[in-house]
Amino acid sequence: MPDALLGRLQARGFLPPDYDGRGLVNVPATALAAIGMRDAADPPILSGLDPALLDGVRQVLVVLADGLGTGQLERLCAAGAMPFLASILLRAERREQAQLLDCVTIFPSTTAAAVTTMNTARTPQEHGNLAYFCWLEEFGEVVQMLRWGPAVRGRGSYFDDSRLDPRTFAQVPSIHRRIRERGGQSYLIEPEHFRGQAMERMHGAEATFVGTIRPSVMGVRVKQLLDERPWGTKPAYVYAYWEGIDYIAHRLGPRGPEHAAEAAAFDSNLGRALAARPAADTLVLLTADHGHAAVEPERFLDLHDDTDLVAMLRNPLAGEPRLAFLHTDRPAEVMAYLDHRYPGLFTTFLRDEGIAAGLFGRGDPTLVRRRVGEVCALMDGDRGASIVRVEGQVLRQRGSHGGMTPDEMRIPVLAWRA
């Protein structure tokens, strides 16, 4: 059955995740290995990575450009929008202490799952932050999993209540705890508004938080840390995050001039931090949490208002605009209904088929069975679905992810020494 499902997905043009060496989960595993802290229970390091890039490393810098999929990076560099990263790609082609690996992200291809994977070196099946919108039995409603608050509201977290500690909801420990306990130091360079938020408190509390009041500050903080090395001779891990490329792609699309302008700003910022640094004892790993599919807002399906579908569900709709989670006691009827009502628009599979095929990762599938509906419904092409109304508004985007098309799944891992 697992092979049958994977074959069916690949026949439809989908690109399944890879947790064995060419996936996002292998990035934090590689970072841990570079500073001597990877354990046997961790995922393998990046397959095909030149061993010379790991020799003599004293600290690792991981840069995550939210939403910058491989296809986007290639187009933008070819168009001249990202000259600094284009120069690193040229170094990779020449094998000058740089390398590009074509990898894939986790599934679902979404930030909540991917960032948790980056902070834990564990797959979504293990850590449980499975999608942007998940039904959580703990709260009896659909939850927005970045802020851990009611999905139907635009703000607020359950952890605004001081009696609730977000760390008690974390299913696996963070890599930052391990680094600290073994005598190293880790740093999170993130937007200041992330400070104290649910995700940071849950999986980043053991790291030193370095806030950026504006995006332009990210590169400044990266340069300062690498120049000053406050960790001294200890092993060190630095994680830097850029959110604007994803923000623009959602609202204005992943192929327009605004997207290129934001990518150029990121490239310039990173270049100011790293371009003048000679190849030395810092391993840089640049990657993304997912890519973006270009979608047409007027072609979004409003599943939220499909009363016939909703009547067959046990819990409200959840998941992603490109991947609906359907909690139902009537899975065969739900799949037949989607095929009949929306012919050719959904590729459906049973949750337990997905678990058996390893789509959500490895380990105990208990959280997947609680938080993913019995039926999963994938979309491709330029379509998306509105599944949750936030403050009563229908969600419509020009760039989307969460599904399994190559545009969403392919991510770069660009490694070089600095």
Protein backbone atom coordinates (compact mmCIF):
# COMPACT_ATOMS: atom_id res chain seq x y z
CA MET A 1 0.00 0.00 0.00
CA PRO A 2 2.74 2.58 0.77
CA ASP A 3 4.36 2.03 -2.63
CA ALA A 4 0.95 2.20 -4.31
CA LEU A 5 0.16 5.56 -2.73
CA LEU A 6 3.58 7.01 -3.55
CA GLY A 7 3.25 5.79 -7.12
CA ARG A 8 -0.20 7.35 -7.44
CA LEU A 9 1.03 10.67 -6.07
CA GLN A 10 4.08 10.72 -8.33
CA ALA A 11 1.91 9.86 -11.34
CA ARG A 12 -0.12 13.00 -10.59
CA GLY A 13 3.07 15.09 -10.56
CA PHE A 14 3.44 15.35 -6.79
CA LEU A 15 6.85 15.25 -5.10
CA PRO A 16 6.83 13.31 -1.81
CA PRO A 17 9.06 14.34 1.12
CA ASP A 18 12.46 12.85 1.86
CA TYR A 19 13.51 12.30 5.47
CA ASP A 20 16.50 10.10 4.70
CA GLY A 21 19.12 12.55 3.46
CA ARG A 22 17.74 15.06 0.98
CA GLY A 23 15.13 16.74 3.15
CA LEU A 24 14.72 19.69 5.48
CA VAL A 25 15.05 17.50 8.58
CA ASN A 26 18.58 16.65 7.48
CA VAL A 27 19.63 20.31 7.70
CA PRO A 28 19.52 20.60 11.52
CA ALA A 29 21.01 17.10 11.74
CA THR A 30 23.93 18.31 9.62
CA ALA A 31 24.33 21.43 11.74
CA LEU A 32 24.49 19.29 14.86
CA ALA A 33 27.04 16.98 13.23
CA ALA A 34 29.22 19.93 12.23
CA ILE A 35 29.60 21.01 15.88
CA GLY A 36 29.93 17.46 17.20
CA MET A 37 26.47 17.11 18.72
CA ARG A 38 24.57 14.78 16.41
CA ASP A 39 23.36 11.57 18.10
CA ALA A 40 22.67 8.15 16.61
CA ALA A 41 18.92 8.69 17.07
CA ASP A 42 19.00 11.82 14.91
CA PRO A 43 18.18 11.82 11.19
CA PRO A 44 21.13 11.35 8.84
CA ILE A 45 23.13 14.31 7.64
CA LEU A 46 22.55 15.71 4.16
CA SER A 47 23.19 13.05 1.56
CA GLY A 48 25.92 13.94 -0.90
CA LEU A 49 27.30 16.84 1.13
CA ASP A 50 31.00 17.30 0.44
CA PRO A 51 32.78 16.12 3.63
CA ALA A 52 35.38 18.86 3.15
CA LEU A 53 32.70 21.44 4.02
CA LEU A 54 32.49 19.93 7.51
CA ASP A 55 36.23 19.76 8.19
CA GLY A 56 37.42 22.22 10.83
CA VAL A 57 34.03 23.86 11.40
CA ARG A 58 33.80 25.82 14.66
CA GLN A 59 30.33 27.30 14.24
CA VAL A 60 27.34 26.86 11.96
CA LEU A 61 25.11 29.58 10.52
CA VAL A 62 21.74 28.41 9.19
CA VAL A 63 19.81 31.00 7.17
CA LEU A 64 16.18 30.21 6.50
CA ALA A 65 14.50 32.34 3.82
CA ASP A 66 10.82 31.65 4.38
CA GLY A 67 9.13 30.67 1.12
CA LEU A 68 12.22 30.74 -1.14
CA GLY A 69 11.81 27.47 -3.03
CA THR A 70 14.43 26.13 -5.41
CA GLY A 71 12.54 27.21 -8.51
CA GLN A 72 12.21 30.74 -7.20
CA LEU A 73 15.89 30.94 -6.27
CA GLU A 74 16.93 29.72 -9.72
CA ARG A 75 14.67 32.19 -11.53
CA LEU A 76 15.69 35.13 -9.36
CA CYS A 77 19.42 34.46 -9.69
CA ALA A 78 19.11 34.02 -13.45
CA ALA A 79 17.25 37.35 -13.66
CA GLY A 80 19.97 39.19 -11.74
CA ALA A 81 17.83 39.90 -8.68
CA MET A 82 20.12 38.03 -6.26
CA PRO A 83 23.75 38.68 -7.26
CA PHE A 84 25.30 37.61 -3.95
CA LEU A 85 23.65 34.20 -3.90
CA ALA A 86 24.32 33.88 -7.63
CA SER A 87 28.01 34.27 -6.80
CA ILE A 88 27.76 31.45 -4.23
CA LEU A 89 26.01 29.29 -6.82
CA LEU A 90 28.90 29.97 -9.18
CA ARG A 91 31.31 28.90 -6.44
CA ALA A 92 29.25 25.73 -6.05
CA GLU A 93 29.48 25.01 -9.79
CA ARG A 94 33.26 25.40 -9.54
CA ARG A 95 33.39 23.41 -6.28
CA GLU A 96 35.12 26.26 -4.49
CA GLN A 97 34.18 25.35 -0.91
CA ALA A 98 30.50 25.62 -1.79
CA GLN A 99 27.79 23.19 -2.86
CA LEU A 100 24.13 23.29 -3.89
CA LEU A 101 21.88 20.37 -2.93
CA ASP A 102 18.41 20.06 -4.44
CA CYS A 103 16.28 18.96 -1.48
CA VAL A 104 12.65 18.75 -0.46
CA THR A 105 10.82 20.03 2.57
CA ILE A 106 8.68 18.16 5.07
CA PHE A 107 5.01 17.35 4.52
CA PRO A 108 2.79 19.26 4.82
CA SER A 109 4.97 21.92 3.19
CA THR A 110 4.23 24.67 5.67
CA THR A 111 6.07 26.97 8.07
CA ALA A 112 4.56 25.72 11.33
CA ALA A 113 5.78 22.19 10.62
CA ALA A 114 9.07 23.19 9.00
CA VAL A 115 10.26 25.66 11.63
CA THR A 116 9.50 23.14 14.36
CA THR A 117 11.55 20.58 12.44
CA MET A 118 14.41 23.08 12.22
CA ASN A 119 14.31 23.63 15.99
CA THR A 120 14.04 19.95 16.93
CA ALA A 121 15.66 17.89 14.13
CA ARG A 122 12.48 15.80 14.15
CA THR A 123 9.83 15.09 11.54
CA PRO A 124 6.25 16.43 11.74
CA GLN A 125 4.98 13.01 12.81
CA GLU A 126 7.24 13.23 15.85
CA HIS A 127 6.81 16.86 16.88
CA GLY A 128 3.11 17.22 16.02
CA ASN A 129 3.06 20.79 14.64
CA LEU A 130 1.57 19.40 11.47
CA ALA A 131 -0.12 22.26 9.64
CA TYR A 132 -1.11 25.91 9.85
CA PHE A 133 -4.60 24.86 11.01
CA CYS A 134 -4.96 21.70 13.13
CA TRP A 135 -7.78 20.25 15.18
CA LEU A 136 -6.41 19.86 18.71
CA GLU A 137 -8.31 17.67 21.14
CA GLU A 138 -6.54 19.52 23.96
CA PHE A 139 -8.53 22.68 23.18
CA GLY A 140 -11.52 21.23 21.36
CA GLU A 141 -11.17 23.45 18.30
CA VAL A 142 -9.12 24.19 15.21
CA VAL A 143 -5.89 25.90 16.23
CA GLN A 144 -3.58 28.24 14.33
CA MET A 145 -0.32 26.43 15.03
CA LEU A 146 2.14 29.32 14.74
CA ARG A 147 0.63 31.28 17.62
CA TRP A 148 -1.28 28.39 19.21
CA GLY A 149 -4.58 30.20 19.38
CA PRO A 150 -8.12 29.79 18.02
CA ALA A 151 -8.03 29.65 14.22
CA VAL A 152 -11.18 31.71 13.80
CA ARG A 153 -9.55 34.67 15.54
CA GLY A 154 -6.77 36.75 14.05
CA ARG A 155 -4.75 37.10 17.23
CA GLY A 156 -4.25 35.71 20.69
CA SER A 157 -2.69 32.55 22.09
CA TYR A 158 -3.76 30.06 24.70
CA PHE A 159 -0.44 30.79 26.34
CA ASP A 160 -1.46 34.38 27.04
CA ASP A 161 -2.88 32.64 30.11
CA SER A 162 0.13 32.50 32.44
CA ARG A 163 -1.17 29.27 33.94
CA LEU A 164 -0.36 27.46 30.68
CA ASP A 165 3.28 26.73 29.92
CA PRO A 166 3.87 26.12 26.19
CA ARG A 167 6.81 23.86 26.98
CA THR A 168 4.42 21.29 28.45
CA PHE A 169 2.85 20.96 24.98
CA ALA A 170 6.18 20.32 23.23
CA GLN A 171 6.37 16.68 22.18
CA VAL A 172 10.14 16.54 21.60
CA PRO A 173 13.07 18.54 23.00
CA SER A 174 14.74 21.30 21.06
CA ILE A 175 18.22 21.13 19.60
CA HIS A 176 18.98 24.28 21.60
CA ARG A 177 18.56 22.42 24.86
CA ARG A 178 21.03 19.79 23.70
CA ILE A 179 23.54 22.40 22.55
CA ARG A 180 23.33 24.22 25.88
CA GLU A 181 23.52 21.06 27.98
CA ARG A 182 26.66 19.96 26.12
CA GLY A 183 28.50 23.22 26.61
CA GLY A 184 27.65 25.03 23.38
CA GLN A 185 25.63 28.14 22.61
CA SER A 186 22.86 28.83 20.13
CA TYR A 187 21.30 32.04 18.85
CA LEU A 188 18.02 32.82 17.12
CA ILE A 189 18.07 35.94 14.93
CA GLU A 190 14.39 36.57 14.31
CA PRO A 191 11.92 39.45 14.02
CA GLU A 192 11.38 41.15 17.36
CA HIS A 193 7.65 40.34 17.28
CA PHE A 194 8.56 36.65 17.56
CA ARG A 195 9.97 37.26 21.04
CA GLY A 196 7.81 35.54 23.63
CA GLN A 197 5.47 34.01 21.08
CA ALA A 198 4.25 30.44 21.45
CA MET A 199 6.64 28.84 18.96
CA GLU A 200 9.68 30.63 20.35
CA ARG A 201 8.73 29.77 23.94
CA MET A 202 8.00 26.16 23.04
CA HIS A 203 11.08 25.30 20.97
CA GLY A 204 13.55 28.16 21.36
CA ALA A 205 13.63 28.97 25.05
CA GLU A 206 17.12 27.51 25.53
CA ALA A 207 18.62 29.71 22.80
CA THR A 208 19.69 33.34 23.03
CA PHE A 209 17.05 35.39 21.21
CA VAL A 210 18.45 38.21 19.05
CA GLY A 211 15.58 40.37 17.85
CA THR A 212 15.51 42.37 14.63
CA ILE A 213 13.32 45.45 14.72
CA ARG A 214 13.42 45.71 10.91
CA PRO A 215 14.44 43.12 8.28
CA SER A 216 17.57 45.12 7.43
CA VAL A 217 18.92 44.36 10.91
CA MET A 218 19.18 40.62 10.24
CA GLY A 219 22.43 40.84 8.31
CA VAL A 220 23.87 43.29 10.83
CA ARG A 221 23.25 40.82 13.66
CA VAL A 222 24.69 37.93 11.65
CA LYS A 223 27.87 39.90 10.96
CA GLN A 224 28.21 41.05 14.57
CA LEU A 225 27.91 37.54 15.95
CA LEU A 226 30.37 36.04 13.48
CA ASP A 227 32.85 38.88 14.02
CA GLU A 228 32.62 39.02 17.82
CA ARG A 229 32.12 35.29 18.52
CA PRO A 230 30.66 35.74 22.01
CA TRP A 231 30.74 31.95 22.40
CA GLY A 232 34.54 31.98 22.50
CA THR A 233 35.89 28.49 21.88
CA LYS A 234 32.56 26.75 22.53
CA PRO A 235 30.59 25.09 19.70
CA ALA A 236 28.00 27.53 18.35
CA TYR A 237 24.87 27.45 16.25
CA VAL A 238 23.32 30.60 14.76
CA TYR A 239 19.92 30.56 13.05
CA ALA A 240 18.78 33.60 11.06
CA TYR A 241 15.26 33.96 9.64
CA TRP A 242 13.87 36.21 6.87
CA GLU A 243 10.08 36.35 6.57
CA GLY A 244 9.39 38.87 3.80
CA ILE A 245 9.69 36.65 0.73
CA ASP A 246 6.90 34.42 2.00
CA TYR A 247 4.75 37.40 2.98
CA ILE A 248 4.97 38.96 -0.48
CA ALA A 249 4.46 35.64 -2.29
CA HIS A 250 1.23 34.96 -0.40
CA ARG A 251 -0.27 38.34 -1.12
CA LEU A 252 1.15 39.33 -4.51
CA GLY A 253 2.40 36.08 -5.96
CA PRO A 254 5.77 34.30 -6.26
CA ARG A 255 6.60 35.50 -9.78
CA GLY A 256 5.91 39.22 -9.75
CA PRO A 257 8.18 42.28 -9.46
CA GLU A 258 7.34 42.74 -5.78
CA HIS A 259 8.56 39.22 -5.03
CA ALA A 260 11.78 39.89 -6.92
CA ALA A 261 12.27 43.17 -5.03
CA GLU A 262 11.90 41.46 -1.66
CA ALA A 263 14.28 38.69 -2.69
CA ALA A 264 16.78 41.33 -3.81
CA ALA A 265 16.54 43.01 -0.41
CA PHE A 266 17.26 39.69 1.29
CA ASP A 267 20.21 39.01 -1.02
CA SER A 268 21.69 42.45 -0.41
CA ASN A 269 21.24 42.11 3.34
CA LEU A 270 22.92 38.71 3.42
CA GLY A 271 25.67 39.88 1.10
CA ARG A 272 26.58 42.79 3.37
CA ALA A 273 26.99 40.29 6.20
CA LEU A 274 28.91 37.56 4.39
CA ALA A 275 30.32 38.65 1.02
CA ALA A 276 33.59 39.96 2.41
CA ARG A 277 34.24 36.93 4.61
CA PRO A 278 36.89 34.53 3.29
CA ALA A 279 36.21 30.80 3.36
CA ALA A 280 37.12 29.96 6.95
CA ASP A 281 35.72 27.97 9.89
CA THR A 282 32.01 28.86 9.63
CA LEU A 283 29.68 26.50 7.78
CA VAL A 284 26.78 28.40 6.21
CA LEU A 285 23.63 26.49 5.26
CA LEU A 286 21.03 28.53 3.40
CA THR A 287 17.65 26.89 2.93
CA ALA A 288 13.89 27.47 2.92
CA ASP A 289 10.94 25.96 4.71
CA HIS A 290 8.95 25.54 1.48
CA GLY A 291 8.41 27.05 -1.92
CA HIS A 292 5.29 28.64 -3.41
CA ALA A 293 2.75 27.64 -6.01
CA ALA A 294 1.21 30.50 -7.98
CA VAL A 295 -2.54 30.39 -7.44
CA GLU A 296 -5.49 32.41 -8.70
CA PRO A 297 -7.62 33.99 -5.93
CA GLU A 298 -10.78 33.88 -8.03
CA ARG A 299 -10.35 30.13 -8.45
CA PHE A 300 -10.21 29.42 -4.71
CA LEU A 301 -12.82 26.96 -3.52
CA ASP A 302 -14.78 27.97 -0.44
CA LEU A 303 -15.00 24.58 1.26
CA HIS A 304 -16.04 26.28 4.46
CA ASP A 305 -19.47 26.99 2.93
CA ASP A 306 -19.94 23.55 1.38
CA THR A 307 -22.70 22.49 3.76
CA ASP A 308 -23.02 18.99 2.28
CA LEU A 309 -19.33 18.33 2.88
CA VAL A 310 -19.33 19.87 6.34
CA ALA A 311 -22.30 17.71 7.32
CA MET A 312 -20.16 14.60 6.78
CA LEU A 313 -17.39 15.82 9.09
CA ARG A 314 -16.88 15.10 12.78
CA ASN A 315 -14.74 18.22 13.36
CA PRO A 316 -14.38 21.48 11.42
CA LEU A 317 -12.16 21.66 8.35
CA ALA A 318 -8.45 22.11 9.00
CA GLY A 319 -5.13 21.83 7.19
CA GLU A 320 -3.80 24.14 4.48
CA PRO A 321 -5.14 25.95 1.41
CA ARG A 322 -3.52 23.19 -0.70
CA LEU A 323 -4.19 20.29 1.69
CA ALA A 324 -7.48 19.84 3.52
CA PHE A 325 -7.71 17.65 6.63
CA LEU A 326 -11.15 16.05 6.77
CA HIS A 327 -12.06 14.51 10.12
CA THR A 328 -14.86 12.10 9.39
CA ASP A 329 -16.40 8.80 10.39
CA ARG A 330 -17.44 8.32 6.74
CA PRO A 331 -14.15 8.50 4.79
CA ALA A 332 -15.34 6.57 1.72
CA GLU A 333 -18.36 8.85 1.35
CA VAL A 334 -16.24 11.98 1.76
CA MET A 335 -13.77 10.86 -0.90
CA ALA A 336 -16.58 9.94 -3.28
CA TYR A 337 -18.27 13.28 -2.65
CA LEU A 338 -15.11 15.27 -3.45
CA ASP A 339 -14.59 13.28 -6.66
CA HIS A 340 -18.17 13.93 -7.74
CA ARG A 341 -18.57 17.54 -6.58
CA TYR A 342 -15.10 18.74 -7.65
CA PRO A 343 -13.99 16.37 -10.43
CA GLY A 344 -10.25 16.38 -10.99
CA LEU A 345 -9.51 19.07 -8.40
CA PHE A 346 -8.51 16.90 -5.45
CA THR A 347 -6.18 13.96 -5.02
CA THR A 348 -7.42 12.18 -1.93
CA PHE A 349 -5.84 9.55 0.28
CA LEU A 350 -6.54 8.09 3.67
CA ARG A 351 -4.56 9.43 6.59
CA ASP A 352 -3.40 5.94 7.53
CA GLU A 353 -2.19 5.39 3.96
CA GLY A 354 -0.10 8.53 4.35
CA ILE A 355 1.32 7.31 7.66
CA ALA A 356 2.20 3.92 6.17
CA ALA A 357 3.92 5.64 3.23
CA GLY A 358 5.98 7.80 5.59
CA LEU A 359 4.59 11.08 4.29
CA PHE A 360 4.50 12.72 7.72
CA GLY A 361 7.84 11.35 8.89
CA ARG A 362 8.91 8.65 11.25
CA GLY A 363 8.18 7.48 14.79
CA ASP A 364 4.97 7.14 16.78
CA PRO A 365 1.96 8.21 14.60
CA THR A 366 -0.34 8.96 17.56
CA LEU A 367 -0.27 12.74 17.04
CA VAL A 368 -0.92 12.39 13.32
CA ARG A 369 -3.98 10.26 14.01
CA ARG A 370 -5.30 12.90 16.42
CA ARG A 371 -4.51 16.00 14.39
CA VAL A 372 -4.89 14.91 10.76
CA GLY A 373 -8.32 13.96 9.47
CA GLU A 374 -9.10 10.48 8.21
CA VAL A 375 -9.10 11.90 4.67
CA CYS A 376 -6.40 14.16 3.20
CA ALA A 377 -7.28 16.12 0.06
CA LEU A 378 -4.43 17.58 -2.01
CA MET A 379 -4.74 20.32 -4.62
CA ASP A 380 -2.42 21.19 -7.48
CA GLY A 381 -2.38 23.56 -10.45
CA ASP A 382 -3.41 27.13 -9.68
CA ARG A 383 -6.14 26.18 -7.23
CA GLY A 384 -6.46 26.54 -3.49
CA ALA A 385 -9.23 26.23 -0.94
CA SER A 386 -10.53 28.43 1.83
CA ILE A 387 -10.98 26.05 4.75
CA VAL A 388 -11.13 28.36 7.79
CA ARG A 389 -12.64 31.80 8.05
CA VAL A 390 -10.48 34.06 10.19
CA GLU A 391 -12.52 36.90 11.71
CA GLY A 392 -15.21 35.92 9.22
CA GLN A 393 -13.00 36.54 6.18
CA VAL A 394 -12.50 34.12 3.28
CA LEU A 395 -8.80 33.42 2.74
CA ARG A 396 -7.68 34.05 -0.85
CA GLN A 397 -4.02 34.17 -1.91
CA ARG A 398 -1.82 34.56 -4.98
CA GLY A 399 0.90 32.28 -3.64
CA SER A 400 0.23 29.17 -1.60
CA HIS A 401 1.83 26.05 -0.14
CA GLY A 402 1.13 23.15 2.18
CA GLY A 403 0.64 20.70 -0.67
CA MET A 404 3.02 18.42 -2.54
CA THR A 405 3.74 19.95 -5.94
CA PRO A 406 7.41 20.51 -6.88
CA ASP A 407 6.94 24.29 -6.58
CA GLU A 408 5.94 23.81 -2.95
CA MET A 409 8.26 20.95 -2.03
CA ARG A 410 11.62 21.72 -3.67
CA ILE A 411 13.97 23.70 -1.44
CA PRO A 412 17.61 24.63 -1.89
CA VAL A 413 20.34 23.78 0.57
CA LEU A 414 23.23 26.01 -0.41
CA ALA A 415 26.30 25.25 1.69
CA TRP A 416 29.53 27.20 1.80
CA ARG A 417 32.36 28.15 4.13
CA ALA A 418 32.75 31.67 5.46
